[in-house]
C-alpha cells in the first residue's frame, strides 16, 4: 500500500525533516536515511518488527511512527540532534518559536518582527554559521520580510519596512533602532 498508508503524524514528519537536515549538513555522521525511497526499500528492517498482530489496514493506526523512527537513530545521536537541530528557539520576546525543517532548503523560523527587537545577530543552528534559520517577519500572519541575516535586515531592509508599515499599523512598535529596542511580548502589539 506504500508509505502513504502509514499513520504519519506531524511530529513524525517533523522528526524526519530534522534528520534529513542533519544528514545534509553532516554527511559523514551516522544520521539514518528517512527519505521515502530509503524507507520504502527497507520496510523489512524498520517496520516489519512492529507489524505483529496487524492484519488490517485499520490496525496500522496503532503504530507510533515517531517512536519507530527514533529507535532507528544510533543511541549517541539524539542528544546531539537536540543541540544541533532544536525543535524550538527562544526569541527576544520570550516566546518559544517552532523551527520549520520541512521546507525545501534551509530551516525557517516564522516570527513577528516586533518580537525580534533587541537581537543584533542571527541565531545559528547546527553549529554552522551558514545554517541560520530564515527569518520570516509577519504582519497579520502574512510574511512581511524574509532574511537569512538579521544584521543585514536591520541595516538594509528594516528602514523601508518601517516606512511602509508605520502608516498601515500605527499601533505597532516601529523604532528607528530595532537592535536596541525592547521586543514586544508575544501576541501583543500595543
N, C-alpha and C. Protein backbone atom coordinates (compact mmCIF):
# COMPACT_ATOMS: atom_id res chain seq x y z
N UNK A 1 0.81 -1.20 0.00
CA UNK A 1 0.00 0.00 0.00
C UNK A 1 0.86 1.27 0.00
N UNK A 2 2.12 1.13 0.27
CA UNK A 2 3.01 2.27 0.22
C UNK A 2 3.10 3.01 1.55
N UNK A 3 4.07 3.90 1.62
CA UNK A 3 4.30 4.66 2.85
C UNK A 3 3.13 5.56 3.20
N UNK A 4 2.39 6.02 2.22
CA UNK A 4 1.27 6.93 2.48
C UNK A 4 0.17 6.27 3.30
N UNK A 5 0.13 4.95 3.33
CA UNK A 5 -0.91 4.27 4.10
C UNK A 5 -0.57 4.20 5.59
N UNK A 6 0.63 4.59 5.95
CA UNK A 6 1.04 4.57 7.35
C UNK A 6 0.54 5.82 8.06
N UNK A 7 0.35 5.73 9.38
CA UNK A 7 -0.21 6.86 10.14
C UNK A 7 0.84 7.93 10.48
N UNK A 8 1.27 8.67 9.49
CA UNK A 8 2.27 9.72 9.70
C UNK A 8 1.64 10.87 10.47
N UNK A 9 2.24 11.23 11.58
CA UNK A 9 1.79 12.38 12.36
C UNK A 9 2.66 13.58 12.01
N UNK A 10 2.23 14.75 12.41
CA UNK A 10 3.05 15.95 12.20
C UNK A 10 4.39 15.80 12.91
N UNK A 11 4.38 15.21 14.09
CA UNK A 11 5.61 15.03 14.86
C UNK A 11 6.57 14.07 14.14
N UNK A 12 6.06 13.00 13.58
CA UNK A 12 6.91 12.05 12.85
C UNK A 12 7.49 12.70 11.60
N UNK A 13 6.68 13.47 10.88
CA UNK A 13 7.17 14.15 9.69
C UNK A 13 8.22 15.21 10.04
N UNK A 14 7.99 15.93 11.13
CA UNK A 14 8.97 16.94 11.57
C UNK A 14 10.27 16.27 11.98
N UNK A 15 10.20 15.12 12.64
CA UNK A 15 11.39 14.38 13.03
C UNK A 15 12.18 13.95 11.79
N UNK A 16 11.49 13.43 10.80
CA UNK A 16 12.14 13.03 9.55
C UNK A 16 12.83 14.23 8.91
N UNK A 17 12.18 15.38 8.91
CA UNK A 17 12.77 16.58 8.30
C UNK A 17 14.01 17.04 9.04
N UNK A 18 13.99 16.97 10.36
CA UNK A 18 15.18 17.35 11.15
C UNK A 18 16.34 16.41 10.85
N UNK A 19 16.05 15.11 10.76
CA UNK A 19 17.09 14.14 10.44
C UNK A 19 17.64 14.40 9.04
N UNK A 20 16.77 14.69 8.08
CA UNK A 20 17.21 14.98 6.71
C UNK A 20 18.11 16.21 6.68
N UNK A 21 17.76 17.23 7.45
CA UNK A 21 18.59 18.43 7.55
C UNK A 21 19.97 18.08 8.09
N UNK A 22 20.02 17.30 9.17
CA UNK A 22 21.30 16.93 9.77
C UNK A 22 22.12 16.04 8.83
N UNK A 23 21.47 15.16 8.09
CA UNK A 23 22.18 14.33 7.10
C UNK A 23 22.83 15.22 6.03
N UNK A 24 22.14 16.27 5.64
CA UNK A 24 22.65 17.16 4.61
C UNK A 24 23.83 17.98 5.14
N UNK A 25 23.74 18.45 6.37
CA UNK A 25 24.78 19.30 6.94
C UNK A 25 25.98 18.49 7.40
N UNK A 26 25.73 17.32 7.94
CA UNK A 26 26.80 16.46 8.47
C UNK A 26 26.77 15.11 7.76
N UNK A 27 27.15 15.06 6.49
CA UNK A 27 27.04 13.82 5.72
C UNK A 27 27.93 12.68 6.23
N UNK A 28 28.96 13.00 6.97
CA UNK A 28 29.86 11.95 7.47
C UNK A 28 29.39 11.33 8.77
N UNK A 29 28.37 11.92 9.39
CA UNK A 29 27.83 11.34 10.62
C UNK A 29 26.90 10.19 10.26
N UNK A 30 26.40 9.50 11.26
CA UNK A 30 25.58 8.31 11.04
C UNK A 30 24.10 8.58 11.13
N UNK A 31 23.64 9.73 10.64
CA UNK A 31 22.22 10.02 10.65
C UNK A 31 21.52 9.09 9.67
N UNK A 32 20.46 8.42 10.10
CA UNK A 32 19.78 7.48 9.20
C UNK A 32 19.08 8.19 8.05
N UNK A 33 18.90 7.46 6.96
CA UNK A 33 18.20 8.00 5.80
C UNK A 33 16.72 7.67 5.94
N UNK A 34 15.92 8.70 6.21
CA UNK A 34 14.48 8.53 6.36
C UNK A 34 13.72 9.07 5.16
N UNK A 35 14.39 9.16 4.03
CA UNK A 35 13.70 9.61 2.82
C UNK A 35 12.67 8.55 2.43
N UNK A 36 11.70 8.94 1.63
CA UNK A 36 10.67 7.99 1.19
C UNK A 36 11.29 6.78 0.52
N UNK A 37 12.26 7.02 -0.36
CA UNK A 37 12.90 5.92 -1.07
C UNK A 37 13.61 4.95 -0.14
N UNK A 38 14.36 5.49 0.80
CA UNK A 38 15.09 4.64 1.75
C UNK A 38 14.14 3.86 2.65
N UNK A 39 13.10 4.51 3.11
CA UNK A 39 12.14 3.81 3.98
C UNK A 39 11.38 2.73 3.21
N UNK A 40 10.98 3.05 1.98
CA UNK A 40 10.24 2.07 1.17
C UNK A 40 11.08 0.85 0.85
N UNK A 41 12.36 1.05 0.63
CA UNK A 41 13.22 -0.08 0.26
C UNK A 41 13.70 -0.89 1.47
N UNK A 42 13.46 -0.38 2.68
CA UNK A 42 13.93 -1.10 3.87
C UNK A 42 12.80 -1.39 4.85
N UNK A 43 11.60 -1.57 4.36
CA UNK A 43 10.44 -1.84 5.22
C UNK A 43 10.66 -3.04 6.13
N UNK A 44 11.30 -4.07 5.60
CA UNK A 44 11.50 -5.28 6.40
C UNK A 44 12.42 -5.02 7.60
N UNK A 45 13.29 -4.04 7.50
CA UNK A 45 14.21 -3.72 8.61
C UNK A 45 13.56 -2.85 9.68
N UNK A 46 12.91 -1.78 9.27
CA UNK A 46 12.45 -0.81 10.26
C UNK A 46 10.99 -0.96 10.66
N UNK A 47 10.15 -1.52 9.78
CA UNK A 47 8.73 -1.61 10.09
C UNK A 47 8.26 -3.01 10.46
N UNK A 48 8.79 -4.01 9.79
CA UNK A 48 8.32 -5.39 9.99
C UNK A 48 8.30 -5.82 11.46
N UNK A 49 9.30 -5.46 12.28
CA UNK A 49 9.25 -5.89 13.68
C UNK A 49 8.04 -5.37 14.46
N UNK A 50 7.38 -4.34 13.95
CA UNK A 50 6.25 -3.73 14.65
C UNK A 50 4.89 -4.16 14.09
N UNK A 51 4.91 -5.07 13.11
CA UNK A 51 3.66 -5.45 12.44
C UNK A 51 2.99 -6.69 13.02
N UNK A 52 3.53 -7.23 14.10
CA UNK A 52 2.93 -8.39 14.73
C UNK A 52 1.50 -8.06 15.18
N UNK A 53 0.54 -8.88 14.77
CA UNK A 53 -0.85 -8.69 15.15
C UNK A 53 -1.61 -7.72 14.26
N UNK A 54 -0.94 -7.14 13.29
CA UNK A 54 -1.63 -6.22 12.38
C UNK A 54 -2.05 -7.00 11.14
N UNK A 55 -3.35 -7.11 10.95
CA UNK A 55 -3.86 -7.88 9.83
C UNK A 55 -4.79 -7.07 8.91
N UNK A 56 -5.09 -5.85 9.30
CA UNK A 56 -5.95 -4.98 8.51
C UNK A 56 -5.33 -3.60 8.41
N UNK A 57 -5.74 -2.90 7.37
CA UNK A 57 -5.24 -1.54 7.19
C UNK A 57 -5.58 -0.67 8.40
N UNK A 58 -6.75 -0.84 8.96
CA UNK A 58 -7.16 -0.03 10.11
C UNK A 58 -6.26 -0.26 11.33
N UNK A 59 -5.61 -1.43 11.40
CA UNK A 59 -4.71 -1.73 12.52
C UNK A 59 -3.43 -0.89 12.45
N UNK A 60 -3.10 -0.36 11.28
CA UNK A 60 -1.89 0.44 11.14
C UNK A 60 -1.92 1.67 12.04
N UNK A 61 -3.13 2.12 12.38
CA UNK A 61 -3.26 3.30 13.25
C UNK A 61 -2.62 3.07 14.62
N UNK A 62 -2.40 1.83 14.99
CA UNK A 62 -1.77 1.51 16.28
C UNK A 62 -0.28 1.84 16.29
N UNK A 63 0.29 1.96 15.11
CA UNK A 63 1.73 2.20 15.01
C UNK A 63 2.09 3.62 15.44
N UNK A 64 3.13 3.75 16.24
CA UNK A 64 3.66 5.07 16.60
C UNK A 64 4.92 5.27 15.78
N UNK A 65 4.77 5.88 14.62
CA UNK A 65 5.90 6.01 13.70
C UNK A 65 7.02 6.87 14.26
N UNK A 66 6.68 7.83 15.08
CA UNK A 66 7.74 8.64 15.69
C UNK A 66 8.64 7.77 16.56
N UNK A 67 8.05 6.95 17.40
CA UNK A 67 8.86 6.05 18.24
C UNK A 67 9.64 5.04 17.40
N UNK A 68 9.02 4.55 16.35
CA UNK A 68 9.69 3.59 15.48
C UNK A 68 10.91 4.22 14.81
N UNK A 69 10.76 5.45 14.34
CA UNK A 69 11.89 6.15 13.72
C UNK A 69 12.96 6.49 14.75
N UNK A 70 12.54 6.94 15.91
CA UNK A 70 13.52 7.25 16.97
C UNK A 70 14.38 6.04 17.30
N UNK A 71 13.78 4.87 17.27
CA UNK A 71 14.53 3.64 17.57
C UNK A 71 15.61 3.36 16.54
N UNK A 72 15.51 3.94 15.35
CA UNK A 72 16.49 3.73 14.28
C UNK A 72 17.69 4.67 14.38
N UNK A 73 17.60 5.68 15.23
CA UNK A 73 18.70 6.64 15.37
C UNK A 73 19.71 6.06 16.35
N UNK A 74 21.00 6.01 15.96
CA UNK A 74 22.03 5.49 16.87
C UNK A 74 21.94 6.18 18.25
N UNK A 75 22.15 5.41 19.30
CA UNK A 75 21.89 5.88 20.66
C UNK A 75 22.66 7.12 21.07
N UNK A 76 23.79 7.40 20.43
CA UNK A 76 24.58 8.56 20.81
C UNK A 76 24.17 9.84 20.07
N UNK A 77 23.22 9.77 19.15
CA UNK A 77 22.87 10.93 18.34
C UNK A 77 21.65 11.75 18.80
N UNK A 78 20.68 11.20 19.53
CA UNK A 78 19.52 12.04 19.90
C UNK A 78 19.87 13.30 20.68
N UNK A 79 20.79 13.20 21.61
CA UNK A 79 21.18 14.38 22.39
C UNK A 79 21.84 15.42 21.47
N UNK A 80 22.65 14.93 20.56
CA UNK A 80 23.31 15.81 19.60
C UNK A 80 22.28 16.47 18.68
N UNK A 81 21.26 15.70 18.32
CA UNK A 81 20.19 16.23 17.48
C UNK A 81 19.48 17.40 18.16
N UNK A 82 19.19 17.26 19.45
CA UNK A 82 18.51 18.32 20.18
C UNK A 82 19.36 19.59 20.23
N UNK A 83 20.66 19.43 20.29
CA UNK A 83 21.56 20.58 20.33
C UNK A 83 21.71 21.21 18.94
N UNK A 84 21.89 20.38 17.92
CA UNK A 84 22.17 20.88 16.57
C UNK A 84 20.92 21.33 15.81
N UNK A 85 19.82 20.64 16.01
CA UNK A 85 18.58 20.95 15.27
C UNK A 85 17.41 20.99 16.25
N UNK A 86 17.37 22.02 17.10
CA UNK A 86 16.29 22.08 18.09
C UNK A 86 14.93 22.25 17.42
N UNK A 87 13.91 21.81 18.11
CA UNK A 87 12.55 21.94 17.61
C UNK A 87 12.11 23.40 17.70
N UNK A 88 12.50 24.06 18.78
CA UNK A 88 12.07 25.43 19.05
C UNK A 88 13.27 26.29 19.44
N UNK A 89 13.09 27.59 19.28
CA UNK A 89 14.13 28.53 19.69
C UNK A 89 13.45 29.69 20.41
N UNK A 90 14.09 30.19 21.46
CA UNK A 90 13.53 31.32 22.18
C UNK A 90 13.96 32.60 21.49
N UNK A 91 13.00 33.48 21.24
CA UNK A 91 13.27 34.77 20.61
C UNK A 91 13.29 35.84 21.70
N UNK A 92 13.78 37.05 21.40
CA UNK A 92 13.90 38.08 22.43
C UNK A 92 12.63 38.40 23.20
N UNK A 93 11.48 38.20 22.62
CA UNK A 93 10.22 38.48 23.32
C UNK A 93 9.94 37.47 24.43
N UNK A 94 10.70 36.39 24.44
CA UNK A 94 10.48 35.33 25.42
C UNK A 94 9.66 34.17 24.88
N UNK A 95 9.14 34.32 23.69
CA UNK A 95 8.35 33.25 23.09
C UNK A 95 9.26 32.14 22.57
N UNK A 96 8.79 30.91 22.69
CA UNK A 96 9.47 29.77 22.08
C UNK A 96 8.81 29.53 20.74
N UNK A 97 9.57 29.73 19.66
CA UNK A 97 9.03 29.64 18.32
C UNK A 97 9.56 28.38 17.65
N UNK A 98 8.65 27.66 17.01
CA UNK A 98 9.00 26.41 16.33
C UNK A 98 9.82 26.69 15.07
N UNK A 99 10.86 25.91 14.86
CA UNK A 99 11.67 25.98 13.65
C UNK A 99 11.10 24.96 12.67
N UNK A 100 10.85 25.38 11.47
CA UNK A 100 10.27 24.51 10.45
C UNK A 100 11.38 23.95 9.57
N UNK A 101 11.64 22.65 9.71
CA UNK A 101 12.65 21.96 8.90
C UNK A 101 12.04 21.32 7.67
N UNK A 102 10.73 21.37 7.56
CA UNK A 102 10.05 20.67 6.46
C UNK A 102 10.00 21.47 5.17
N UNK A 103 10.48 22.69 5.20
CA UNK A 103 10.51 23.50 3.99
C UNK A 103 11.68 23.04 3.13
N UNK A 104 11.58 23.28 1.85
CA UNK A 104 12.68 22.93 0.96
C UNK A 104 13.81 23.91 1.20
N UNK A 105 15.01 23.41 1.32
CA UNK A 105 16.15 24.28 1.58
C UNK A 105 16.45 24.35 3.07
N UNK A 106 16.74 25.55 3.51
CA UNK A 106 17.13 25.76 4.90
C UNK A 106 15.92 25.85 5.82
N UNK A 107 16.13 25.63 7.13
CA UNK A 107 15.04 25.75 8.10
C UNK A 107 14.47 27.16 8.11
N UNK A 108 13.22 27.27 8.55
CA UNK A 108 12.53 28.55 8.59
C UNK A 108 12.00 28.80 10.00
N UNK A 109 12.20 30.02 10.46
CA UNK A 109 11.66 30.48 11.74
C UNK A 109 10.68 31.61 11.43
N UNK A 110 9.41 31.37 11.66
CA UNK A 110 8.39 32.38 11.39
C UNK A 110 8.06 33.10 12.70
N UNK A 111 8.33 34.39 12.72
CA UNK A 111 8.15 35.15 13.96
C UNK A 111 7.75 36.58 13.61
N UNK A 112 6.99 37.19 14.48
CA UNK A 112 6.60 38.60 14.29
C UNK A 112 7.84 39.48 14.44
N UNK A 113 7.94 40.44 13.58
CA UNK A 113 9.09 41.33 13.55
C UNK A 113 9.34 41.98 14.91
N UNK A 114 8.29 42.47 15.55
CA UNK A 114 8.45 43.17 16.82
C UNK A 114 8.98 42.28 17.93
N UNK A 115 8.82 40.97 17.79
CA UNK A 115 9.34 40.05 18.81
C UNK A 115 10.85 39.84 18.69
N UNK A 116 11.44 40.33 17.59
CA UNK A 116 12.87 40.17 17.36
C UNK A 116 13.67 41.42 17.74
N UNK A 117 12.99 42.51 18.11
CA UNK A 117 13.70 43.71 18.52
C UNK A 117 14.66 43.36 19.65
N UNK A 118 15.82 43.97 19.62
CA UNK A 118 16.82 43.74 20.66
C UNK A 118 17.82 42.66 20.31
N UNK A 119 17.61 41.94 19.24
CA UNK A 119 18.54 40.88 18.83
C UNK A 119 19.38 41.40 17.67
N UNK A 120 20.68 41.48 17.89
CA UNK A 120 21.57 42.07 16.88
C UNK A 120 22.05 41.06 15.85
N UNK A 121 22.20 39.81 16.26
CA UNK A 121 22.76 38.80 15.35
C UNK A 121 21.78 37.66 15.13
N UNK A 122 21.90 37.04 14.00
CA UNK A 122 21.03 35.93 13.64
C UNK A 122 21.38 34.70 14.48
N UNK A 123 20.40 34.06 15.09
CA UNK A 123 20.68 32.81 15.81
C UNK A 123 21.19 31.75 14.82
N UNK A 124 22.04 30.87 15.32
CA UNK A 124 22.65 29.85 14.48
C UNK A 124 22.24 28.48 14.98
N UNK A 125 21.95 27.59 14.03
CA UNK A 125 21.69 26.21 14.39
C UNK A 125 22.71 25.32 13.70
N UNK A 126 22.86 24.12 14.18
CA UNK A 126 23.76 23.11 13.62
C UNK A 126 25.23 23.51 13.71
N UNK A 127 25.57 24.38 14.66
CA UNK A 127 26.97 24.79 14.87
C UNK A 127 27.64 25.26 13.59
N UNK A 128 26.87 25.77 12.67
CA UNK A 128 27.45 26.17 11.40
C UNK A 128 26.88 27.52 11.04
N UNK A 129 27.70 28.56 11.03
CA UNK A 129 27.17 29.91 10.80
C UNK A 129 26.33 30.05 9.54
N UNK A 130 26.59 29.29 8.51
CA UNK A 130 25.80 29.44 7.30
C UNK A 130 24.42 28.83 7.45
N UNK A 131 24.17 28.11 8.52
CA UNK A 131 22.86 27.46 8.69
C UNK A 131 21.99 28.21 9.68
N UNK A 132 21.90 29.50 9.49
CA UNK A 132 20.97 30.28 10.29
C UNK A 132 19.58 30.07 9.71
N UNK A 133 18.59 29.93 10.57
CA UNK A 133 17.24 29.76 10.03
C UNK A 133 16.80 31.02 9.30
N UNK A 134 16.08 30.85 8.23
CA UNK A 134 15.47 32.00 7.57
C UNK A 134 14.59 32.69 8.60
N UNK A 135 14.50 33.97 8.51
CA UNK A 135 13.60 34.73 9.36
C UNK A 135 12.43 35.15 8.51
N UNK A 136 11.26 34.95 9.01
CA UNK A 136 10.09 35.46 8.33
C UNK A 136 9.39 36.38 9.31
N UNK A 137 9.42 37.66 9.02
CA UNK A 137 8.72 38.61 9.85
C UNK A 137 7.27 38.68 9.37
N UNK A 138 6.35 38.60 10.30
CA UNK A 138 4.94 38.51 9.94
C UNK A 138 4.16 39.76 10.32
N UNK A 139 3.20 40.09 9.51
CA UNK A 139 2.21 41.12 9.83
C UNK A 139 0.85 40.49 9.53
N UNK A 140 0.02 40.40 10.55
CA UNK A 140 -1.29 39.76 10.41
C UNK A 140 -1.17 38.35 9.82
N UNK A 141 -0.12 37.64 10.21
CA UNK A 141 0.07 36.27 9.76
C UNK A 141 0.63 36.13 8.37
N UNK A 142 0.86 37.25 7.67
CA UNK A 142 1.42 37.19 6.32
C UNK A 142 2.88 37.61 6.36
N UNK A 143 3.72 37.01 5.51
CA UNK A 143 5.14 37.39 5.50
C UNK A 143 5.33 38.87 5.17
N UNK A 144 6.15 39.52 5.96
CA UNK A 144 6.48 40.92 5.77
C UNK A 144 7.88 41.05 5.18
N UNK A 145 8.78 40.18 5.65
CA UNK A 145 10.15 40.16 5.16
C UNK A 145 10.74 38.79 5.44
N UNK A 146 11.65 38.37 4.59
CA UNK A 146 12.34 37.10 4.76
C UNK A 146 13.83 37.38 4.65
N UNK A 147 14.60 36.86 5.60
CA UNK A 147 16.04 37.10 5.59
C UNK A 147 16.79 35.95 6.23
N UNK A 148 18.03 35.78 5.83
CA UNK A 148 18.92 34.83 6.50
C UNK A 148 19.93 35.56 7.36
N UNK A 149 19.96 36.87 7.26
CA UNK A 149 20.90 37.66 8.04
C UNK A 149 20.15 38.79 8.73
N UNK A 150 19.96 38.65 10.02
CA UNK A 150 19.27 39.67 10.78
C UNK A 150 20.05 40.97 10.78
N UNK A 151 21.37 40.85 10.83
CA UNK A 151 22.22 42.04 10.81
C UNK A 151 21.97 42.87 9.55
N UNK A 152 21.97 42.19 8.41
CA UNK A 152 21.74 42.88 7.14
C UNK A 152 20.33 43.42 7.06
N UNK A 153 19.36 42.67 7.55
CA UNK A 153 17.98 43.14 7.52
C UNK A 153 17.81 44.41 8.34
N UNK A 154 18.35 44.43 9.57
CA UNK A 154 18.19 45.62 10.41
C UNK A 154 18.79 46.84 9.71
N UNK A 155 19.91 46.66 9.02
CA UNK A 155 20.60 47.78 8.37
C UNK A 155 19.95 48.18 7.05
N UNK A 156 19.66 47.19 6.20
CA UNK A 156 19.23 47.49 4.84
C UNK A 156 17.72 47.35 4.60
N UNK A 157 17.11 46.35 5.17
CA UNK A 157 15.70 46.08 4.88
C UNK A 157 14.72 46.75 5.81
N UNK A 158 15.06 46.79 7.09
CA UNK A 158 14.12 47.30 8.08
C UNK A 158 13.70 48.75 7.84
N UNK A 159 14.61 49.65 7.47
CA UNK A 159 14.16 51.04 7.26
C UNK A 159 13.02 51.16 6.24
N UNK A 160 13.06 50.41 5.16
CA UNK A 160 11.97 50.50 4.18
C UNK A 160 10.71 49.80 4.70
N UNK A 161 10.86 48.68 5.41
CA UNK A 161 9.70 48.01 6.00
C UNK A 161 9.05 48.94 7.02
N UNK A 162 9.87 49.58 7.83
CA UNK A 162 9.37 50.52 8.84
C UNK A 162 8.59 51.65 8.17
N UNK A 163 9.15 52.20 7.11
CA UNK A 163 8.50 53.31 6.41
C UNK A 163 7.15 52.87 5.83
N UNK A 164 7.11 51.67 5.25
CA UNK A 164 5.87 51.16 4.65
C UNK A 164 4.82 50.79 5.69
N UNK A 165 5.24 50.22 6.79
CA UNK A 165 4.30 49.64 7.75
C UNK A 165 3.83 50.61 8.82
N UNK A 166 4.57 51.66 9.11
CA UNK A 166 4.16 52.60 10.17
C UNK A 166 2.79 53.19 9.91
N UNK A 167 2.51 53.51 8.66
CA UNK A 167 1.21 54.07 8.32
C UNK A 167 0.09 53.05 8.38
N UNK A 168 0.39 51.83 7.98
CA UNK A 168 -0.63 50.77 7.98
C UNK A 168 -0.94 50.25 9.38
N UNK A 169 0.08 50.17 10.20
CA UNK A 169 -0.07 49.62 11.54
C UNK A 169 0.48 50.62 12.57
N UNK A 170 -0.19 51.74 12.77
CA UNK A 170 0.33 52.78 13.65
C UNK A 170 0.39 52.38 15.13
N UNK A 171 -0.39 51.38 15.53
CA UNK A 171 -0.36 50.96 16.93
C UNK A 171 0.82 50.04 17.24
N UNK A 172 1.47 49.53 16.21
CA UNK A 172 2.62 48.64 16.40
C UNK A 172 3.87 49.47 16.67
N UNK A 173 4.82 48.84 17.30
CA UNK A 173 6.10 49.48 17.58
C UNK A 173 6.98 49.46 16.34
N UNK A 174 7.47 50.62 15.94
CA UNK A 174 8.36 50.74 14.77
C UNK A 174 9.55 51.62 15.13
N UNK A 175 10.41 51.20 16.06
CA UNK A 175 11.53 52.05 16.49
C UNK A 175 12.55 52.26 15.36
N UNK A 176 13.25 53.38 15.44
CA UNK A 176 14.29 53.65 14.45
C UNK A 176 15.47 52.71 14.64
N UNK A 177 15.74 52.34 15.89
CA UNK A 177 16.88 51.48 16.20
C UNK A 177 16.36 50.15 16.77
N UNK A 178 16.01 49.18 15.92
CA UNK A 178 15.41 47.94 16.41
C UNK A 178 16.37 47.08 17.22
N UNK A 179 17.67 47.23 17.00
CA UNK A 179 18.66 46.42 17.73
C UNK A 179 18.66 46.77 19.21
N UNK A 180 18.40 48.03 19.53
CA UNK A 180 18.41 48.48 20.92
C UNK A 180 17.00 48.69 21.48
N UNK A 181 16.00 48.28 20.73
CA UNK A 181 14.61 48.43 21.19
C UNK A 181 14.18 47.21 22.00
N UNK A 182 13.20 47.43 22.84
CA UNK A 182 12.65 46.35 23.65
C UNK A 182 11.69 45.53 22.78
N UNK A 183 11.82 44.19 22.79
CA UNK A 183 10.89 43.38 21.98
C UNK A 183 9.48 43.44 22.54
N UNK A 184 8.54 43.31 21.64
CA UNK A 184 7.13 43.30 22.02
C UNK A 184 6.78 41.89 22.47
N UNK A 185 6.02 41.79 23.54
CA UNK A 185 5.62 40.48 24.06
C UNK A 185 4.83 39.72 23.01
N UNK A 186 4.90 38.40 23.04
CA UNK A 186 4.16 37.60 22.08
C UNK A 186 2.67 37.95 22.04
N UNK A 187 2.14 38.09 20.82
CA UNK A 187 0.72 38.34 20.57
C UNK A 187 0.22 39.66 21.16
N UNK A 188 1.12 40.54 21.51
CA UNK A 188 0.71 41.87 22.00
C UNK A 188 1.41 42.91 21.16
N UNK A 189 0.65 43.78 20.59
CA UNK A 189 1.25 44.82 19.77
C UNK A 189 0.75 46.21 20.18
N UNK A 190 0.55 46.43 21.45
CA UNK A 190 0.07 47.74 21.92
C UNK A 190 1.13 48.43 22.71
